PDB file of N, CA and C in Angstrom:
ATOM      1  N   MET A   1      23.181 -17.896  14.415  1.00  0.00           N
ATOM      2  CA  MET A   1      21.822 -17.817  14.927  1.00  0.00           C
ATOM      3  C   MET A   1      20.870 -17.647  13.750  1.00  0.00           C
ATOM      4  N   THR A   2      19.805 -18.384  13.744  1.00  0.00           N
ATOM      5  CA  THR A   2      18.822 -18.295  12.676  1.00  0.00           C
ATOM      6  C   THR A   2      17.657 -17.424  13.114  1.00  0.00           C
ATOM      7  N   TYR A   3      16.989 -16.863  12.116  1.00  0.00           N
ATOM      8  CA  TYR A   3      15.850 -15.982  12.381  1.00  0.00           C
ATOM      9  C   TYR A   3      14.570 -16.795  12.425  1.00  0.00           C
ATOM     10  N   SER A   4      13.692 -16.476  13.371  1.00  0.00           N
ATOM     11  CA  SER A   4      12.412 -17.164  13.494  1.00  0.00           C
ATOM     12  C   SER A   4      11.314 -16.145  13.748  1.00  0.00           C
ATOM     13  N   ASN A   5      10.214 -16.274  13.042  1.00  0.00           N
ATOM     14  CA  ASN A   5       9.059 -15.406  13.252  1.00  0.00           C
ATOM     15  C   ASN A   5       8.211 -15.857  14.438  1.00  0.00           C
ATOM     16  N   LYS A   6       8.587 -16.931  15.078  1.00  0.00           N
ATOM     17  CA  LYS A   6       7.803 -17.443  16.196  1.00  0.00           C
ATOM     18  C   LYS A   6       8.188 -16.798  17.522  1.00  0.00           C
ATOM     19  N   TYR A   7       9.310 -16.059  17.514  1.00  0.00           N
ATOM     20  CA  TYR A   7       9.803 -15.419  18.726  1.00  0.00           C
ATOM     21  C   TYR A   7      10.046 -13.941  18.457  1.00  0.00           C
ATOM     22  N   ILE A   8       9.981 -13.158  19.528  1.00  0.00           N
ATOM     23  CA  ILE A   8      10.245 -11.724  19.435  1.00  0.00           C
ATOM     24  C   ILE A   8      11.007 -11.307  20.681  1.00  0.00           C
ATOM     25  N   SER A   9      11.909 -10.347  20.507  1.00  0.00           N
ATOM     26  CA  SER A   9      12.675  -9.893  21.669  1.00  0.00           C
ATOM     27  C   SER A   9      12.323  -8.440  21.979  1.00  0.00           C
ATOM     28  N   ASP A  10      12.404  -8.108  23.248  1.00  0.00           N
ATOM     29  CA  ASP A  10      12.132  -6.734  23.661  1.00  0.00           C
ATOM     30  C   ASP A  10      13.426  -5.920  23.645  1.00  0.00           C
ATOM     31  N   SER A  11      13.347  -4.669  24.099  1.00  0.00           N
ATOM     32  CA  SER A  11      14.510  -3.788  24.057  1.00  0.00           C
ATOM     33  C   SER A  11      15.613  -4.224  25.024  1.00  0.00           C
ATOM     34  N   ASN A  12      15.277  -5.052  25.994  1.00  0.00           N
ATOM     35  CA  ASN A  12      16.275  -5.559  26.939  1.00  0.00           C
ATOM     36  C   ASN A  12      16.917  -6.859  26.468  1.00  0.00           C
ATOM     37  N   GLY A  13      16.464  -7.383  25.323  1.00  0.00           N
ATOM     38  CA  GLY A  13      17.037  -8.610  24.785  1.00  0.00           C
ATOM     39  C   GLY A  13      16.333  -9.877  25.220  1.00  0.00           C
ATOM     40  N   ARG A  14      15.285  -9.743  26.031  1.00  0.00           N
ATOM     41  CA  ARG A  14      14.546 -10.937  26.455  1.00  0.00           C
ATOM     42  C   ARG A  14      13.692 -11.453  25.293  1.00  0.00           C
ATOM     43  N   CYS A  15      13.697 -12.751  25.089  1.00  0.00           N
ATOM     44  CA  CYS A  15      12.928 -13.361  23.998  1.00  0.00           C
ATOM     45  C   CYS A  15      11.619 -13.925  24.530  1.00  0.00           C
ATOM     46  N   PHE A  16      10.579 -13.763  23.718  1.00  0.00           N
ATOM     47  CA  PHE A  16       9.254 -14.264  24.060  1.00  0.00           C
ATOM     48  C   PHE A  16       8.733 -15.112  22.918  1.00  0.00           C
ATOM     49  N   LYS A  17       8.088 -16.199  23.253  1.00  0.00           N
ATOM     50  CA  LYS A  17       7.421 -17.017  22.242  1.00  0.00           C
ATOM     51  C   LYS A  17       6.070 -16.365  21.967  1.00  0.00           C
ATOM     52  N   ILE A  18       5.834 -15.994  20.721  1.00  0.00           N
ATOM     53  CA  ILE A  18       4.628 -15.238  20.380  1.00  0.00           C
ATOM     54  C   ILE A  18       3.362 -16.001  20.742  1.00  0.00           C
ATOM     55  N   SER A  19       3.351 -17.297  20.521  1.00  0.00           N
ATOM     56  CA  SER A  19       2.141 -18.079  20.803  1.00  0.00           C
ATOM     57  C   SER A  19       1.833 -18.168  22.297  1.00  0.00           C
ATOM     58  N   ALA A  20       2.798 -17.817  23.162  1.00  0.00           N
ATOM     59  CA  ALA A  20       2.577 -17.893  24.603  1.00  0.00           C
ATOM     60  C   ALA A  20       2.368 -16.517  25.232  1.00  0.00           C
ATOM     61  N   MET A  21       2.332 -15.477  24.436  1.00  0.00           N
ATOM     62  CA  MET A  21       2.205 -14.122  24.974  1.00  0.00           C
ATOM     63  C   MET A  21       0.758 -13.793  25.325  1.00  0.00           C
ATOM     64  N   THR A  22       0.606 -12.882  26.292  1.00  0.00           N
ATOM     65  CA  THR A  22      -0.728 -12.428  26.679  1.00  0.00           C
ATOM     66  C   THR A  22      -1.189 -11.326  25.723  1.00  0.00           C
ATOM     67  N   GLU A  23      -2.450 -10.985  25.808  1.00  0.00           N
ATOM     68  CA  GLU A  23      -3.010  -9.936  24.956  1.00  0.00           C
ATOM     69  C   GLU A  23      -2.321  -8.595  25.210  1.00  0.00           C
ATOM     70  N   LYS A  24      -2.045  -8.307  26.465  1.00  0.00           N
ATOM     71  CA  LYS A  24      -1.386  -7.050  26.817  1.00  0.00           C
ATOM     72  C   LYS A  24       0.029  -6.998  26.239  1.00  0.00           C
ATOM     73  N   GLN A  25       0.771  -8.086  26.361  1.00  0.00           N
ATOM     74  CA  GLN A  25       2.121  -8.137  25.804  1.00  0.00           C
ATOM     75  C   GLN A  25       2.102  -7.950  24.285  1.00  0.00           C
ATOM     76  N   ILE A  26       1.178  -8.627  23.636  1.00  0.00           N
ATOM     77  CA  ILE A  26       1.079  -8.521  22.180  1.00  0.00           C
ATOM     78  C   ILE A  26       0.764  -7.090  21.779  1.00  0.00           C
ATOM     79  N   GLY A  27      -0.163  -6.454  22.500  1.00  0.00           N
ATOM     80  CA  GLY A  27      -0.508  -5.069  22.205  1.00  0.00           C
ATOM     81  C   GLY A  27       0.684  -4.145  22.331  1.00  0.00           C
ATOM     82  N   LEU A  28       1.491  -4.350  23.369  1.00  0.00           N
ATOM     83  CA  LEU A  28       2.678  -3.518  23.569  1.00  0.00           C
ATOM     84  C   LEU A  28       3.703  -3.737  22.456  1.00  0.00           C
ATOM     85  N   PHE A  29       3.887  -4.982  22.051  1.00  0.00           N
ATOM     86  CA  PHE A  29       4.838  -5.265  20.977  1.00  0.00           C
ATOM     87  C   PHE A  29       4.357  -4.694  19.644  1.00  0.00           C
ATOM     88  N   ILE A  30       3.061  -4.802  19.373  1.00  0.00           N
ATOM     89  CA  ILE A  30       2.521  -4.234  18.129  1.00  0.00           C
ATOM     90  C   ILE A  30       2.741  -2.729  18.111  1.00  0.00           C
ATOM     91  N   LYS A  31       2.462  -2.082  19.231  1.00  0.00           N
ATOM     92  CA  LYS A  31       2.684  -0.641  19.335  1.00  0.00           C
ATOM     93  C   LYS A  31       4.156  -0.306  19.068  1.00  0.00           C
ATOM     94  N   GLY A  32       5.038  -1.080  19.647  1.00  0.00           N
ATOM     95  CA  GLY A  32       6.470  -0.866  19.461  1.00  0.00           C
ATOM     96  C   GLY A  32       6.913  -1.062  18.017  1.00  0.00           C
ATOM     97  N   GLU A  33       6.365  -2.081  17.358  1.00  0.00           N
ATOM     98  CA  GLU A  33       6.742  -2.343  15.963  1.00  0.00           C
ATOM     99  C   GLU A  33       6.269  -1.217  15.048  1.00  0.00           C
ATOM    100  N   TYR A  34       5.061  -0.687  15.285  1.00  0.00           N
ATOM    101  CA  TYR A  34       4.586   0.446  14.488  1.00  0.00           C
ATOM    102  C   TYR A  34       5.450   1.684  14.751  1.00  0.00           C
ATOM    103  N   HIS A  35       5.891   1.845  15.983  1.00  0.00           N
ATOM    104  CA  HIS A  35       6.775   2.955  16.337  1.00  0.00           C
ATOM    105  C   HIS A  35       8.095   2.829  15.562  1.00  0.00           C
ATOM    106  N   LYS A  36       8.621   1.605  15.494  1.00  0.00           N
ATOM    107  CA  LYS A  36       9.856   1.359  14.732  1.00  0.00           C
ATOM    108  C   LYS A  36       9.649   1.675  13.251  1.00  0.00           C
ATOM    109  N   LEU A  37       8.502   1.263  12.705  1.00  0.00           N
ATOM    110  CA  LEU A  37       8.217   1.537  11.294  1.00  0.00           C
ATOM    111  C   LEU A  37       8.208   3.034  11.012  1.00  0.00           C
ATOM    112  N   LYS A  38       7.626   3.792  11.933  1.00  0.00           N
ATOM    113  CA  LYS A  38       7.571   5.247  11.770  1.00  0.00           C
ATOM    114  C   LYS A  38       8.982   5.827  11.715  1.00  0.00           C
ATOM    115  N   HIS A  39       9.847   5.363  12.607  1.00  0.00           N
ATOM    116  CA  HIS A  39      11.211   5.876  12.633  1.00  0.00           C
ATOM    117  C   HIS A  39      12.020   5.412  11.425  1.00  0.00           C
ATOM    118  N   ILE A  40      11.787   4.204  10.961  1.00  0.00           N
ATOM    119  CA  ILE A  40      12.468   3.724   9.756  1.00  0.00           C
ATOM    120  C   ILE A  40      12.083   4.596   8.571  1.00  0.00           C
ATOM    121  N   LYS A  41      10.792   4.923   8.462  1.00  0.00           N
ATOM    122  CA  LYS A  41      10.339   5.778   7.360  1.00  0.00           C
ATOM    123  C   LYS A  41      10.990   7.155   7.444  1.00  0.00           C
ATOM    124  N   GLU A  42      11.092   7.711   8.644  1.00  0.00           N
ATOM    125  CA  GLU A  42      11.735   9.020   8.812  1.00  0.00           C
ATOM    126  C   GLU A  42      13.210   8.967   8.431  1.00  0.00           C
ATOM    127  N   ARG A  43      13.907   7.879   8.810  1.00  0.00           N
ATOM    128  CA  ARG A  43      15.316   7.738   8.442  1.00  0.00           C
ATOM    129  C   ARG A  43      15.472   7.576   6.933  1.00  0.00           C
ATOM    130  N   LEU A  44      14.596   6.787   6.322  1.00  0.00           N
ATOM    131  CA  LEU A  44      14.644   6.629   4.862  1.00  0.00           C
ATOM    132  C   LEU A  44      14.421   7.973   4.171  1.00  0.00           C
ATOM    133  N   ASN A  45      13.501   8.756   4.682  1.00  0.00           N
ATOM    134  CA  ASN A  45      13.233  10.068   4.109  1.00  0.00           C
ATOM    135  C   ASN A  45      14.470  10.965   4.208  1.00  0.00           C
ATOM    136  N   SER A  46      15.140  10.957   5.362  1.00  0.00           N
ATOM    137  CA  SER A  46      16.355  11.745   5.538  1.00  0.00           C
ATOM    138  C   SER A  46      17.463  11.274   4.605  1.00  0.00           C
ATOM    139  N   LEU A  47      17.593   9.964   4.449  1.00  0.00           N
ATOM    140  CA  LEU A  47      18.605   9.426   3.540  1.00  0.00           C
ATOM    141  C   LEU A  47      18.329   9.829   2.095  1.00  0.00           C
ATOM    142  N   HIS A  48      17.061   9.764   1.695  1.00  0.00           N
ATOM    143  CA  HIS A  48      16.704  10.170   0.328  1.00  0.00           C
ATOM    144  C   HIS A  48      16.917  11.671   0.130  1.00  0.00           C
ATOM    145  N   ASP A  49      16.661  12.475   1.161  1.00  0.00           N
ATOM    146  CA  ASP A  49      16.939  13.914   1.075  1.00  0.00           C
ATOM    147  C   ASP A  49      18.418  14.158   0.818  1.00  0.00           C
ATOM    148  N   ARG A  50      19.269  13.469   1.575  1.00  0.00           N
ATOM    149  CA  ARG A  50      20.714  13.632   1.409  1.00  0.00           C
ATOM    150  C   ARG A  50      21.171  13.120   0.042  1.00  0.00           C
ATOM    151  N   LEU A  51      20.612  11.993  -0.397  1.00  0.00           N
ATOM    152  CA  LEU A  51      20.961  11.462  -1.714  1.00  0.00           C
ATOM    153  C   LEU A  51      20.582  12.440  -2.813  1.00  0.00           C
ATOM    154  N   LEU A  52      19.444  13.084  -2.666  1.00  0.00           N
ATOM    155  CA  LEU A  52      19.020  14.073  -3.659  1.00  0.00           C
ATOM    156  C   LEU A  52      20.007  15.239  -3.713  1.00  0.00           C
ATOM    157  N   ILE A  53      20.460  15.704  -2.555  1.00  0.00           N
ATOM    158  CA  ILE A  53      21.435  16.797  -2.521  1.00  0.00           C
ATOM    159  C   ILE A  53      22.714  16.391  -3.254  1.00  0.00           C
ATOM    160  N   LEU A  54      23.180  15.165  -3.001  1.00  0.00           N
ATOM    161  CA  LEU A  54      24.393  14.685  -3.667  1.00  0.00           C
ATOM    162  C   LEU A  54      24.191  14.524  -5.172  1.00  0.00           C
ATOM    163  N   ARG A  55      23.048  14.027  -5.561  1.00  0.00           N
ATOM    164  CA  ARG A  55      22.780  13.832  -7.000  1.00  0.00           C
ATOM    165  C   ARG A  55      22.618  15.157  -7.733  1.00  0.00           C
ATOM    166  N   LEU A  56      22.063  16.161  -7.051  1.00  0.00           N
ATOM    167  CA  LEU A  56      21.882  17.470  -7.683  1.00  0.00           C
ATOM    168  C   LEU A  56      23.214  18.129  -8.020  1.00  0.00           C
ATOM    169  N   GLU A  57      24.281  17.746  -7.304  1.00  0.00           N
ATOM    170  CA  GLU A  57      25.604  18.271  -7.623  1.00  0.00           C
ATOM    171  C   GLU A  57      26.072  17.792  -8.998  1.00  0.00           C
ATOM    172  N   HIS A  58      25.673  16.573  -9.370  1.00  0.00           N
ATOM    173  CA  HIS A  58      26.103  15.989 -10.646  1.00  0.00           C
ATOM    174  C   HIS A  58      25.056  16.130 -11.741  1.00  0.00           C
ATOM    175  N   THR A  59      23.806  15.996 -11.367  1.00  0.00           N
ATOM    176  CA  THR A  59      22.705  16.022 -12.324  1.00  0.00           C
ATOM    177  C   THR A  59      21.671  17.036 -11.863  1.00  0.00           C
ATOM    178  N   PRO A  60      21.519  18.163 -12.577  1.00  0.00           N
ATOM    179  CA  PRO A  60      20.577  19.196 -12.111  1.00  0.00           C
ATOM    180  C   PRO A  60      19.110  18.790 -12.180  1.00  0.00           C
ATOM    181  N   ASP A  61      18.778  17.758 -12.953  1.00  0.00           N
ATOM    182  CA  ASP A  61      17.375  17.358 -13.080  1.00  0.00           C
ATOM    183  C   ASP A  61      17.033  16.144 -12.205  1.00  0.00           C
ATOM    184  N   ALA A  62      17.866  15.854 -11.215  1.00  0.00           N
ATOM    185  CA  ALA A  62      17.592  14.729 -10.319  1.00  0.00           C
ATOM    186  C   ALA A  62      16.342  15.025  -9.493  1.00  0.00           C
ATOM    187  N   VAL A  63      15.570  13.990  -9.222  1.00  0.00           N
ATOM    188  CA  VAL A  63      14.349  14.142  -8.428  1.00  0.00           C
ATOM    189  C   VAL A  63      14.353  13.132  -7.282  1.00  0.00           C
ATOM    190  N   LYS A  64      13.677  13.494  -6.229  1.00  0.00           N
ATOM    191  CA  LYS A  64      13.532  12.594  -5.089  1.00  0.00           C
ATOM    192  C   LYS A  64      12.419  11.598  -5.400  1.00  0.00           C
ATOM    193  N   PRO A  65      12.661  10.317  -5.200  1.00  0.00           N
ATOM    194  CA  PRO A  65      11.612   9.329  -5.471  1.00  0.00           C
ATOM    195  C   PRO A  65      10.481   9.430  -4.456  1.00  0.00           C
ATOM    196  N   ASP A  66       9.313   8.932  -4.861  1.00  0.00           N
ATOM    197  CA  ASP A  66       8.172   8.894  -3.952  1.00  0.00           C
ATOM    198  C   ASP A  66       8.426   7.782  -2.936  1.00  0.00           C
ATOM    199  N   LEU A  67       8.729   8.165  -1.713  1.00  0.00           N
ATOM    200  CA  LEU A  67       9.117   7.200  -0.686  1.00  0.00           C
ATOM    201  C   LEU A  67       7.997   6.211  -0.389  1.00  0.00           C
ATOM    202  N   ARG A  68       6.782   6.685  -0.366  1.00  0.00           N
ATOM    203  CA  ARG A  68       5.641   5.803  -0.075  1.00  0.00           C
ATOM    204  C   ARG A  68       5.540   4.680  -1.112  1.00  0.00           C
ATOM    205  N   LYS A  69       5.675   5.053  -2.389  1.00  0.00           N
ATOM    206  CA  LYS A  69       5.609   4.047  -3.452  1.00  0.00           C
ATOM    207  C   LYS A  69       6.775   3.070  -3.362  1.00  0.00           C
ATOM    208  N   LYS A  70       7.968   3.581  -3.052  1.00  0.00           N
ATOM    209  CA  LYS A  70       9.137   2.713  -2.945  1.00  0.00           C
ATOM    210  C   LYS A  70       8.981   1.711  -1.804  1.00  0.00           C
ATOM    211  N   ILE A  71       8.443   2.166  -0.680  1.00  0.00           N
ATOM    212  CA  ILE A  71       8.252   1.268   0.459  1.00  0.00           C
ATOM    213  C   ILE A  71       7.237   0.187   0.103  1.00  0.00           C
ATOM    214  N   ILE A  72       6.136   0.585  -0.499  1.00  0.00           N
ATOM    215  CA  ILE A  72       5.101  -0.379  -0.868  1.00  0.00           C
ATOM    216  C   ILE A  72       5.633  -1.375  -1.890  1.00  0.00           C
ATOM    217  N   LYS A  73       6.417  -0.878  -2.856  1.00  0.00           N
ATOM    218  CA  LYS A  73       6.997  -1.765  -3.869  1.00  0.00           C
ATOM    219  C   LYS A  73       7.985  -2.723  -3.227  1.00  0.00           C
ATOM    220  N   HIS A  74       8.829  -2.216  -2.333  1.00  0.00           N
ATOM    221  CA  HIS A  74       9.828  -3.052  -1.683  1.00  0.00           C
ATOM    222  C   HIS A  74       9.187  -4.130  -0.810  1.00  0.00           C
ATOM    223  N   LEU A  75       8.116  -3.772  -0.134  1.00  0.00           N
ATOM    224  CA  LEU A  75       7.427  -4.734   0.729  1.00  0.00           C
ATOM    225  C   LEU A  75       6.484  -5.637  -0.053  1.00  0.00           C
ATOM    226  N   LYS A  76       6.368  -5.359  -1.358  1.00  0.00           N
ATOM    227  CA  LYS A  76       5.510  -6.162  -2.246  1.00  0.00           C
ATOM    228  C   LYS A  76       4.069  -6.196  -1.737  1.00  0.00           C
ATOM    229  N   LEU A  77       3.537  -4.999  -1.453  1.00  0.00           N
ATOM    230  CA  LEU A  77       2.174  -4.893  -0.944  1.00  0.00           C
ATOM    231  C   LEU A  77       1.142  -4.760  -2.057  1.00  0.00           C
ATOM    232  N   GLY A  78       1.560  -4.894  -3.297  1.00  0.00           N
ATOM    233  CA  GLY A  78       0.603  -4.920  -4.391  1.00  0.00           C
ATOM    234  C   GLY A  78       0.183  -3.564  -4.900  1.00  0.00           C
ATOM    235  N   LEU A  79       1.062  -2.586  -4.883  1.00  0.00           N
ATOM    236  CA  LEU A  79       0.735  -1.286  -5.451  1.00  0.00           C
ATOM    237  C   LEU A  79       0.604  -1.440  -6.956  1.00  0.00           C
ATOM    238  N   LYS A  80      -0.503  -1.002  -7.498  1.00  0.00           N
ATOM    239  CA  LYS A  80      -0.718  -1.115  -8.929  1.00  0.00           C
ATOM    240  C   LYS A  80       0.015   0.006  -9.650  1.00  0.00           C
ATOM    241  N   SER A  81       0.508  -0.307 -10.830  1.00  0.00           N
ATOM    242  CA  SER A  81       1.224   0.700 -11.606  1.00  0.00           C
ATOM    243  C   SER A  81       0.248   1.749 -12.125  1.00  0.00           C
ATOM    244  N   ASP A  82       0.790   2.888 -12.533  1.00  0.00           N
ATOM    245  CA  ASP A  82      -0.043   3.965 -13.065  1.00  0.00           C
ATOM    246  C   ASP A  82      -0.784   3.506 -14.314  1.00  0.00           C
ATOM    247  N   GLN A  83      -0.119   2.710 -15.150  1.00  0.00           N
ATOM    248  CA  GLN A  83      -0.742   2.217 -16.380  1.00  0.00           C
ATOM    249  C   GLN A  83      -1.918   1.296 -16.050  1.00  0.00           C
ATOM    250  N   THR A  84      -1.741   0.421 -15.076  1.00  0.00           N
ATOM    251  CA  THR A  84      -2.825  -0.478 -14.667  1.00  0.00           C
ATOM    252  C   THR A  84      -4.001   0.311 -14.125  1.00  0.00           C
ATOM    253  N   LEU A  85      -3.717   1.325 -13.323  1.00  0.00           N
ATOM    254  CA  LEU A  85      -4.789   2.156 -12.775  1.00  0.00           C
ATOM    255  C   LEU A  85      -5.523   2.910 -13.876  1.00  0.00           C
ATOM    256  N   LEU A  86      -4.791   3.382 -14.882  1.00  0.00           N
ATOM    257  CA  LEU A  86      -5.408   4.090 -15.999  1.00  0.00           C
ATOM    258  C   LEU A  86      -6.344   3.170 -16.782  1.00  0.00           C
ATOM    259  N   ILE A  87      -5.898   1.973 -17.079  1.00  0.00           N
ATOM    260  CA  ILE A  87      -6.735   0.996 -17.808  1.00  0.00           C
ATOM    261  C   ILE A  87      -7.969   0.644 -16.991  1.00  0.00           C
ATOM    262  N   GLU A  88      -7.777   0.424 -15.693  1.00  0.00           N
ATOM    263  CA  GLU A  88      -8.899   0.080 -14.821  1.00  0.00           C
ATOM    264  C   GLU A  88      -9.905   1.231 -14.752  1.00  0.00           C
ATOM    265  N   ASN A  89      -9.402   2.444 -14.676  1.00  0.00           N
ATOM    266  CA  ASN A  89     -10.261   3.624 -14.617  1.00  0.00           C
ATOM    267  C   ASN A  89     -11.063   3.766 -15.912  1.00  0.00           C
ATOM    268  N   GLN A  90     -10.403   3.540 -17.057  1.00  0.00           N
ATOM    269  CA  GLN A  90     -11.100   3.617 -18.348  1.00  0.00           C
ATOM    270  C   GLN A  90     -12.200   2.562 -18.440  1.00  0.00           C
ATOM    271  N   ARG A  91     -11.902   1.361 -17.970  1.00  0.00           N
ATOM    272  CA  ARG A  91     -12.902   0.293 -18.029  1.00  0.00           C
ATOM    273  C   ARG A  91     -14.108   0.625 -17.162  1.00  0.00           C
ATOM    274  N   LEU A  92     -13.856   1.157 -15.973  1.00  0.00           N
ATOM    275  CA  LEU A  92     -14.963   1.522 -15.096  1.00  0.00           C
ATOM    276  C   LEU A  92     -15.789   2.668 -15.672  1.00  0.00           C
ATOM    277  N   MET A  93     -15.129   3.608 -16.358  1.00  0.00           N
ATOM    278  CA  MET A  93     -15.860   4.698 -17.009  1.00  0.00           C
ATOM    279  C   MET A  93     -16.751   4.153 -18.134  1.00  0.00           C
ATOM    280  N   GLU A  94     -16.251   3.150 -18.870  1.00  0.00           N
ATOM    281  CA  GLU A  94     -17.066   2.532 -19.924  1.00  0.00           C
ATOM    282  C   GLU A  94     -18.287   1.840 -19.329  1.00  0.00           C
ATOM    283  N   VAL A  95     -18.105   1.156 -18.218  1.00  0.00           N
ATOM    284  CA  VAL A  95     -19.231   0.493 -17.551  1.00  0.00           C
ATOM    285  C   VAL A  95     -20.243   1.534 -17.088  1.00  0.00           C
ATOM    286  N   PHE A  96     -19.740   2.617 -16.512  1.00  0.00           N
ATOM    287  CA  PHE A  96     -20.606   3.691 -16.038  1.00  0.00           C
ATOM    288  C   PHE A  96     -21.378   4.315 -17.204  1.00  0.00           C
ATOM    289  N   ASN A  97     -20.690   4.596 -18.318  1.00  0.00           N
ATOM    290  CA  ASN A  97     -21.356   5.166 -19.492  1.00  0.00           C
ATOM    291  C   ASN A  97     -22.402   4.219 -20.067  1.00  0.00           C
ATOM    292  N   LEU A  98     -22.105   2.917 -20.068  1.00  0.00           N
ATOM    293  CA  LEU A  98     -23.082   1.941 -20.541  1.00  0.00           C
ATOM    294  C   LEU A  98     -24.319   1.948 -19.646  1.00  0.00           C
ATOM    295  N   ALA A  99     -24.112   2.041 -18.343  1.00  0.00           N
ATOM    296  CA  ALA A  99     -25.246   2.087 -17.419  1.00  0.00           C
ATOM    297  C   ALA A  99     -26.083   3.343 -17.652  1.00  0.00           C
ATOM    298  N   LEU A 100     -25.435   4.468 -17.936  1.00  0.00           N
ATOM    299  CA  LEU A 100     -26.171   5.703 -18.240  1.00  0.00           C
ATOM    300  C   LEU A 100     -26.974   5.571 -19.530  1.00  0.00           C
ATOM    301  N   LYS A 101     -26.397   4.940 -20.559  1.00  0.00           N
ATOM    302  CA  LYS A 101     -27.122   4.731 -21.818  1.00  0.00           C
ATOM    303  C   LYS A 101     -28.355   3.872 -21.592  1.00  0.00           C
ATOM    304  N   VAL A 102     -28.190   2.822 -20.794  1.00  0.00           N
ATOM    305  CA  VAL A 102     -29.316   1.936 -20.511  1.00  0.00           C
ATOM    306  C   VAL A 102     -30.402   2.709 -19.758  1.00  0.00           C
ATOM    307  N   LEU A 103     -30.005   3.586 -18.850  1.00  0.00           N
ATOM    308  CA  LEU A 103     -30.974   4.408 -18.127  1.00  0.00           C
ATOM    309  C   LEU A 103     -31.700   5.373 -19.068  1.00  0.00           C
ATOM    310  N   GLU A 104     -30.955   5.968 -19.999  1.00  0.00           N
ATOM    311  CA  GLU A 104     -31.556   6.902 -20.947  1.00  0.00           C
ATOM    312  C   GLU A 104     -32.581   6.213 -21.845  1.00  0.00           C
ATOM    313  N   GLN A 105     -32.355   4.940 -22.099  1.00  0.00           N
ATOM    314  CA  GLN A 105     -33.294   4.176 -22.925  1.00  0.00           C
ATOM    315  C   GLN A 105     -34.477   3.683 -22.107  1.00  0.00           C
ATOM    316  N   GLU A 106     -34.553   4.174 -20.889  1.00  0.00           N
ATOM    317  CA  GLU A 106     -35.639   3.841 -19.974  1.00  0.00           C
ATOM    318  C   GLU A 106     -35.782   2.336 -19.766  1.00  0.00           C
ATOM    319  N   ALA A 107     -34.645   1.710 -19.621  1.00  0.00           N
ATOM    320  CA  ALA A 107     -34.648   0.270 -19.367  1.00  0.00           C
ATOM    321  C   ALA A 107     -35.015   0.004 -17.915  1.00  0.00           C
ATOM    322  N   ASP A 108     -35.284  -1.243 -17.642  1.00  0.00           N
ATOM    323  CA  ASP A 108     -35.618  -1.662 -16.289  1.00  0.00           C
ATOM    324  C   ASP A 108     -34.420  -1.428 -15.361  1.00  0.00           C
ATOM    325  N   LEU A 109     -34.683  -1.025 -14.139  1.00  0.00           N
ATOM    326  CA  LEU A 109     -33.605  -0.761 -13.183  1.00  0.00           C
ATOM    327  C   LEU A 109     -32.794  -2.017 -12.871  1.00  0.00           C
ATOM    328  N   ASP A 110     -33.420  -3.177 -12.989  1.00  0.00           N
ATOM    329  CA  ASP A 110     -32.679  -4.423 -12.764  1.00  0.00           C
ATOM    330  C   ASP A 110     -31.590  -4.612 -13.820  1.00  0.00           C
ATOM    331  N   VAL A 111     -31.852  -4.170 -15.056  1.00  0.00           N
ATOM    332  CA  VAL A 111     -30.854  -4.268 -16.120  1.00  0.00           C
ATOM    333  C   VAL A 111     -29.667  -3.364 -15.791  1.00  0.00           C
ATOM    334  N   VAL A 112     -29.948  -2.139 -15.363  1.00  0.00           N
ATOM    335  CA  VAL A 112     -28.885  -1.201 -14.990  1.00  0.00           C
ATOM    336  C   VAL A 112     -28.086  -1.762 -13.817  1.00  0.00           C
ATOM    337  N   LYS A 113     -28.798  -2.314 -12.856  1.00  0.00           N
ATOM    338  CA  LYS A 113     -28.140  -2.890 -11.686  1.00  0.00           C
ATOM    339  C   LYS A 113     -27.209  -4.031 -12.093  1.00  0.00           C
ATOM    340  N   SER A 114     -27.655  -4.888 -13.011  1.00  0.00           N
ATOM    341  CA  SER A 114     -26.821  -6.002 -13.432  1.00  0.00           C
ATOM    342  C   SER A 114     -25.598  -5.526 -14.228  1.00  0.00           C
ATOM    343  N   VAL A 115     -25.755  -4.456 -15.031  1.00  0.00           N
ATOM    344  CA  VAL A 115     -24.622  -3.896 -15.775  1.00  0.00           C
ATOM    345  C   VAL A 115     -23.561  -3.391 -14.802  1.00  0.00           C
ATOM    346  N   LEU A 116     -24.007  -2.655 -13.774  1.00  0.00           N
ATOM    347  CA  LEU A 116     -23.069  -2.124 -12.788  1.00  0.00           C
ATOM    348  C   LEU A 116     -22.398  -3.235 -11.968  1.00  0.00           C
ATOM    349  N   LYS A 117     -23.184  -4.248 -11.604  1.00  0.00           N
ATOM    350  CA  LYS A 117     -22.623  -5.360 -10.842  1.00  0.00           C
ATOM    351  C   LYS A 117     -21.552  -6.102 -11.638  1.00  0.00           C
ATOM    352  N   GLN A 118     -21.802  -6.322 -12.918  1.00  0.00           N
ATOM    353  CA  GLN A 118     -20.824  -7.021 -13.748  1.00  0.00           C
ATOM    354  C   GLN A 118     -19.549  -6.208 -13.869  1.00  0.00           C
ATOM    355  N   GLY A 119     -19.679  -4.899 -13.981  1.00  0.00           N
ATOM    356  CA  GLY A 119     -18.506  -4.041 -14.079  1.00  0.00           C
ATOM    357  C   GLY A 119     -17.678  -4.062 -12.812  1.00  0.00           C
ATOM    358  N   VAL A 120     -18.330  -4.110 -11.665  1.00  0.00           N
ATOM    359  CA  VAL A 120     -17.606  -4.106 -10.397  1.00  0.00           C
ATOM    360  C   VAL A 120     -17.027  -5.488 -10.092  1.00  0.00           C
ATOM    361  N   GLN A 121     -17.706  -6.548 -10.467  1.00  0.00           N
ATOM    362  CA  GLN A 121     -17.236  -7.900 -10.179  1.00  0.00           C
ATOM    363  C   GLN A 121     -15.970  -8.243 -10.936  1.00  0.00           C
ATOM    364  N   ASN A 122     -15.715  -7.583 -12.039  1.00  0.00           N
ATOM    365  CA  ASN A 122     -14.507  -7.882 -12.807  1.00  0.00           C
ATOM    366  C   ASN A 122     -13.249  -7.307 -12.167  1.00  0.00           C
ATOM    367  N   ASP A 123     -13.403  -6.498 -11.122  1.00  0.00           N
ATOM    368  CA  ASP A 123     -12.218  -5.897 -10.463  1.00  0.00           C
ATOM    369  C   ASP A 123     -11.444  -6.911  -9.696  1.00  0.00           C
TER     370      ASP A 123
END
């Protein structure tokens, strides 16, 4: 049997074609899928807790990974690395400081506005 994203099955095993479902059916399935995600996260958390206990027996400095980051990384949702966030934060601080310098020089507000806009548009 092959997997298809065009169909979904309920808890009784009945299959539905997503494009033919009503709004109410879709709402119920979405609710159910979010419910499943919540339980998957709880099970992953329990598994990581147990893994940490086992690792602590061998390695006293073992740490539990950040489950939220691992899930986002696994799902490839675009979590930025700490280094990327640090560089981005530094760049935004430089833009902010430049805007403050321009304000201190009593420049036109349009100049300050354009400096800030350019800094934000590069994101």
